[in-house]
Amino acid sequence: MVTVIKKGSDKKVINKILKEALRTKGVDTHKYCGVITLKEDPLVIQKRMRDEWE
């Protein structure tokens, strides 16, 4: 994300822009921790998936 602050802006405008930029948006990923149980090593799965492209 890019925030443009123009030269000569006063502190109120800058603080307002920064507060909006720092506001977090998105998905709460912590609720998905530990949901998937894997039966094999993740590195083995990753290597197998990479080899599919060849």
PDB file of N, CA and C in Angstrom:
ATOM      1  N   MET A   1       0.841  -1.167   0.000  1.00  0.00           N
ATOM      2  CA  MET A   1       0.000   0.000   0.000  1.00  0.00           C
ATOM      3  C   MET A   1       0.891   1.237   0.000  1.00  0.00           C
ATOM      4  N   VAL A   2       0.500   2.209  -0.781  1.00  0.00           N
ATOM      5  CA  VAL A   2       1.264   3.440  -0.900  1.00  0.00           C
ATOM      6  C   VAL A   2       0.430   4.583  -0.349  1.00  0.00           C
ATOM      7  N   THR A   3       1.046   5.389   0.497  1.00  0.00           N
ATOM      8  CA  THR A   3       0.387   6.563   1.052  1.00  0.00           C
ATOM      9  C   THR A   3       1.145   7.792   0.586  1.00  0.00           C
ATOM     10  N   VAL A   4       0.411   8.718   0.014  1.00  0.00           N
ATOM     11  CA  VAL A   4       1.032   9.935  -0.497  1.00  0.00           C
ATOM     12  C   VAL A   4       0.742  11.074   0.463  1.00  0.00           C
ATOM     13  N   ILE A   5       1.795  11.693   0.958  1.00  0.00           N
ATOM     14  CA  ILE A   5       1.669  12.868   1.827  1.00  0.00           C
ATOM     15  C   ILE A   5       2.303  14.025   1.086  1.00  0.00           C
ATOM     16  N   LYS A   6       1.506  15.017   0.800  1.00  0.00           N
ATOM     17  CA  LYS A   6       1.996  16.149   0.021  1.00  0.00           C
ATOM     18  C   LYS A   6       2.766  17.121   0.899  1.00  0.00           C
ATOM     19  N   LYS A   7       3.724  17.760   0.287  1.00  0.00           N
ATOM     20  CA  LYS A   7       4.552  18.729   0.976  1.00  0.00           C
ATOM     21  C   LYS A   7       3.676  19.900   1.431  1.00  0.00           C
ATOM     22  N   GLY A   8       3.829  20.291   2.665  1.00  0.00           N
ATOM     23  CA  GLY A   8       3.058  21.406   3.199  1.00  0.00           C
ATOM     24  C   GLY A   8       1.794  20.982   3.924  1.00  0.00           C
ATOM     25  N   SER A   9       1.557  19.665   4.055  1.00  0.00           N
ATOM     26  CA  SER A   9       0.375  19.186   4.782  1.00  0.00           C
ATOM     27  C   SER A   9       0.558  19.450   6.271  1.00  0.00           C
ATOM     28  N   ASP A  10      -0.548  19.783   6.943  1.00  0.00           N
ATOM     29  CA  ASP A  10      -0.443  20.030   8.377  1.00  0.00           C
ATOM     30  C   ASP A  10      -0.510  18.711   9.150  1.00  0.00           C
ATOM     31  N   LYS A  11      -0.185  18.788  10.437  1.00  0.00           N
ATOM     32  CA  LYS A  11      -0.067  17.594  11.271  1.00  0.00           C
ATOM     33  C   LYS A  11      -1.372  16.821  11.380  1.00  0.00           C
ATOM     34  N   LYS A  12      -2.497  17.497  11.418  1.00  0.00           N
ATOM     35  CA  LYS A  12      -3.780  16.811  11.546  1.00  0.00           C
ATOM     36  C   LYS A  12      -4.034  15.904  10.348  1.00  0.00           C
ATOM     37  N   VAL A  13      -3.756  16.415   9.167  1.00  0.00           N
ATOM     38  CA  VAL A  13      -3.969  15.629   7.950  1.00  0.00           C
ATOM     39  C   VAL A  13      -3.016  14.440   7.905  1.00  0.00           C
ATOM     40  N   ILE A  14      -1.759  14.665   8.267  1.00  0.00           N
ATOM     41  CA  ILE A  14      -0.767  13.588   8.268  1.00  0.00           C
ATOM     42  C   ILE A  14      -1.146  12.507   9.277  1.00  0.00           C
ATOM     43  N   ASN A  15      -1.533  12.906  10.473  1.00  0.00           N
ATOM     44  CA  ASN A  15      -1.933  11.921  11.487  1.00  0.00           C
ATOM     45  C   ASN A  15      -3.155  11.134  11.046  1.00  0.00           C
ATOM     46  N   LYS A  16      -4.101  11.779  10.400  1.00  0.00           N
ATOM     47  CA  LYS A  16      -5.295  11.091   9.916  1.00  0.00           C
ATOM     48  C   LYS A  16      -4.931  10.048   8.863  1.00  0.00           C
ATOM     49  N   ILE A  17      -4.061  10.423   7.940  1.00  0.00           N
ATOM     50  CA  ILE A  17      -3.623   9.498   6.890  1.00  0.00           C
ATOM     51  C   ILE A  17      -2.874   8.314   7.494  1.00  0.00           C
ATOM     52  N   LEU A  18      -1.994   8.573   8.451  1.00  0.00           N
ATOM     53  CA  LEU A  18      -1.222   7.495   9.080  1.00  0.00           C
ATOM     54  C   LEU A  18      -2.110   6.550   9.875  1.00  0.00           C
ATOM     55  N   LYS A  19      -3.108   7.069  10.575  1.00  0.00           N
ATOM     56  CA  LYS A  19      -4.021   6.209  11.325  1.00  0.00           C
ATOM     57  C   LYS A  19      -4.806   5.295  10.391  1.00  0.00           C
ATOM     58  N   GLU A  20      -5.233   5.825   9.252  1.00  0.00           N
ATOM     59  CA  GLU A  20      -5.954   5.004   8.287  1.00  0.00           C
ATOM     60  C   GLU A  20      -5.047   3.925   7.694  1.00  0.00           C
ATOM     61  N   ALA A  21      -3.788   4.254   7.480  1.00  0.00           N
ATOM     62  CA  ALA A  21      -2.846   3.294   6.909  1.00  0.00           C
ATOM     63  C   ALA A  21      -2.512   2.183   7.903  1.00  0.00           C
ATOM     64  N   LEU A  22      -2.476   2.490   9.179  1.00  0.00           N
ATOM     65  CA  LEU A  22      -2.110   1.499  10.186  1.00  0.00           C
ATOM     66  C   LEU A  22      -3.267   0.598  10.583  1.00  0.00           C
ATOM     67  N   ARG A  23      -4.464   0.962  10.189  1.00  0.00           N
ATOM     68  CA  ARG A  23      -5.631   0.145  10.504  1.00  0.00           C
ATOM     69  C   ARG A  23      -5.495  -1.179   9.776  1.00  0.00           C
ATOM     70  N   THR A  24      -5.631  -2.283  10.507  1.00  0.00           N
ATOM     71  CA  THR A  24      -5.441  -3.600   9.902  1.00  0.00           C
ATOM     72  C   THR A  24      -6.737  -4.077   9.267  1.00  0.00           C
ATOM     73  N   LYS A  25      -6.592  -4.630   8.096  1.00  0.00           N
ATOM     74  CA  LYS A  25      -7.711  -5.233   7.387  1.00  0.00           C
ATOM     75  C   LYS A  25      -7.260  -6.608   6.945  1.00  0.00           C
ATOM     76  N   GLY A  26      -8.184  -7.530   6.883  1.00  0.00           N
ATOM     77  CA  GLY A  26      -7.815  -8.838   6.377  1.00  0.00           C
ATOM     78  C   GLY A  26      -8.409  -9.958   7.184  1.00  0.00           C
ATOM     79  N   VAL A  27      -7.764 -11.095   7.096  1.00  0.00           N
ATOM     80  CA  VAL A  27      -8.255 -12.327   7.691  1.00  0.00           C
ATOM     81  C   VAL A  27      -7.484 -12.619   8.974  1.00  0.00           C
ATOM     82  N   ASP A  28      -8.190 -13.100   9.977  1.00  0.00           N
ATOM     83  CA  ASP A  28      -7.542 -13.527  11.210  1.00  0.00           C
ATOM     84  C   ASP A  28      -6.985 -14.927  10.993  1.00  0.00           C
ATOM     85  N   THR A  29      -5.695 -15.026  10.715  1.00  0.00           N
ATOM     86  CA  THR A  29      -5.090 -16.315  10.392  1.00  0.00           C
ATOM     87  C   THR A  29      -4.840 -17.187  11.624  1.00  0.00           C
ATOM     88  N   HIS A  30      -4.871 -16.599  12.804  1.00  0.00           N
ATOM     89  CA  HIS A  30      -4.613 -17.379  14.018  1.00  0.00           C
ATOM     90  C   HIS A  30      -5.716 -18.409  14.273  1.00  0.00           C
ATOM     91  N   LYS A  31      -6.906 -18.176  13.775  1.00  0.00           N
ATOM     92  CA  LYS A  31      -7.986 -19.139  14.013  1.00  0.00           C
ATOM     93  C   LYS A  31      -7.793 -20.412  13.192  1.00  0.00           C
ATOM     94  N   TYR A  32      -6.892 -20.386  12.196  1.00  0.00           N
ATOM     95  CA  TYR A  32      -6.642 -21.557  11.368  1.00  0.00           C
ATOM     96  C   TYR A  32      -5.414 -22.347  11.811  1.00  0.00           C
ATOM     97  N   CYS A  33      -4.718 -21.904  12.838  1.00  0.00           N
ATOM     98  CA  CYS A  33      -3.525 -22.610  13.314  1.00  0.00           C
ATOM     99  C   CYS A  33      -3.893 -23.985  13.858  1.00  0.00           C
ATOM    100  N   GLY A  34      -3.215 -25.009  13.370  1.00  0.00           N
ATOM    101  CA  GLY A  34      -3.426 -26.356  13.853  1.00  0.00           C
ATOM    102  C   GLY A  34      -4.653 -27.040  13.301  1.00  0.00           C
ATOM    103  N   VAL A  35      -5.312 -26.478  12.303  1.00  0.00           N
ATOM    104  CA  VAL A  35      -6.534 -27.059  11.761  1.00  0.00           C
ATOM    105  C   VAL A  35      -6.221 -28.255  10.872  1.00  0.00           C
ATOM    106  N   ILE A  36      -5.148 -28.157  10.087  1.00  0.00           N
ATOM    107  CA  ILE A  36      -4.795 -29.219   9.147  1.00  0.00           C
ATOM    108  C   ILE A  36      -3.842 -30.203   9.829  1.00  0.00           C
ATOM    109  N   THR A  37      -4.161 -31.474   9.721  1.00  0.00           N
ATOM    110  CA  THR A  37      -3.249 -32.505  10.213  1.00  0.00           C
ATOM    111  C   THR A  37      -2.679 -33.225   8.999  1.00  0.00           C
ATOM    112  N   LEU A  38      -1.369 -33.240   8.889  1.00  0.00           N
ATOM    113  CA  LEU A  38      -0.698 -33.845   7.749  1.00  0.00           C
ATOM    114  C   LEU A  38      -0.174 -35.220   8.114  1.00  0.00           C
ATOM    115  N   LYS A  39      -0.249 -36.125   7.136  1.00  0.00           N
ATOM    116  CA  LYS A  39       0.225 -37.484   7.369  1.00  0.00           C
ATOM    117  C   LYS A  39       1.661 -37.688   6.908  1.00  0.00           C
ATOM    118  N   GLU A  40       2.203 -36.720   6.156  1.00  0.00           N
ATOM    119  CA  GLU A  40       3.601 -36.811   5.745  1.00  0.00           C
ATOM    120  C   GLU A  40       4.273 -35.454   5.920  1.00  0.00           C
ATOM    121  N   ASP A  41       5.578 -35.461   5.790  1.00  0.00           N
ATOM    122  CA  ASP A  41       6.387 -34.263   6.017  1.00  0.00           C
ATOM    123  C   ASP A  41       6.041 -33.171   4.999  1.00  0.00           C
ATOM    124  N   PRO A  42       5.840 -31.942   5.453  1.00  0.00           N
ATOM    125  CA  PRO A  42       5.507 -30.851   4.530  1.00  0.00           C
ATOM    126  C   PRO A  42       6.548 -30.633   3.435  1.00  0.00           C
ATOM    127  N   LEU A  43       7.830 -30.857   3.724  1.00  0.00           N
ATOM    128  CA  LEU A  43       8.858 -30.694   2.694  1.00  0.00           C
ATOM    129  C   LEU A  43       8.718 -31.737   1.585  1.00  0.00           C
ATOM    130  N   VAL A  44       8.323 -32.947   1.937  1.00  0.00           N
ATOM    131  CA  VAL A  44       8.115 -33.989   0.937  1.00  0.00           C
ATOM    132  C   VAL A  44       6.934 -33.608   0.040  1.00  0.00           C
ATOM    133  N   ILE A  45       5.880 -33.087   0.644  1.00  0.00           N
ATOM    134  CA  ILE A  45       4.721 -32.635  -0.129  1.00  0.00           C
ATOM    135  C   ILE A  45       5.122 -31.504  -1.067  1.00  0.00           C
ATOM    136  N   GLN A  46       5.892 -30.559  -0.567  1.00  0.00           N
ATOM    137  CA  GLN A  46       6.320 -29.413  -1.371  1.00  0.00           C
ATOM    138  C   GLN A  46       7.176 -29.863  -2.558  1.00  0.00           C
ATOM    139  N   LYS A  47       8.129 -30.784  -2.322  1.00  0.00           N
ATOM    140  CA  LYS A  47       8.974 -31.276  -3.408  1.00  0.00           C
ATOM    141  C   LYS A  47       8.147 -32.014  -4.452  1.00  0.00           C
ATOM    142  N   ARG A  48       7.177 -32.804  -4.024  1.00  0.00           N
ATOM    143  CA  ARG A  48       6.322 -33.531  -4.947  1.00  0.00           C
ATOM    144  C   ARG A  48       5.502 -32.562  -5.794  1.00  0.00           C
ATOM    145  N   MET A  49       4.999 -31.502  -5.180  1.00  0.00           N
ATOM    146  CA  MET A  49       4.217 -30.510  -5.924  1.00  0.00           C
ATOM    147  C   MET A  49       5.087 -29.752  -6.912  1.00  0.00           C
ATOM    148  N   ARG A  50       6.336 -29.482  -6.549  1.00  0.00           N
ATOM    149  CA  ARG A  50       7.248 -28.790  -7.467  1.00  0.00           C
ATOM    150  C   ARG A  50       7.605 -29.683  -8.654  1.00  0.00           C
ATOM    151  N   ASP A  51       7.724 -30.982  -8.428  1.00  0.00           N
ATOM    152  CA  ASP A  51       8.073 -31.904  -9.497  1.00  0.00           C
ATOM    153  C   ASP A  51       6.927 -32.095 -10.487  1.00  0.00           C
ATOM    154  N   GLU A  52       5.704 -31.718 -10.126  1.00  0.00           N
ATOM    155  CA  GLU A  52       4.568 -31.860 -11.034  1.00  0.00           C
ATOM    156  C   GLU A  52       4.709 -30.955 -12.248  1.00  0.00           C
ATOM    157  N   TRP A  53       5.465 -29.892 -12.129  1.00  0.00           N
ATOM    158  CA  TRP A  53       5.605 -28.935 -13.225  1.00  0.00           C
ATOM    159  C   TRP A  53       6.517 -29.440 -14.328  1.00  0.00           C
ATOM    160  N   GLU A  54       7.343 -30.415 -14.030  1.00  0.00           N
ATOM    161  CA  GLU A  54       8.315 -30.906 -15.024  1.00  0.00           C
ATOM    162  C   GLU A  54       7.684 -31.851 -16.013  1.00  0.00           C
TER     163      GLU A  54
END
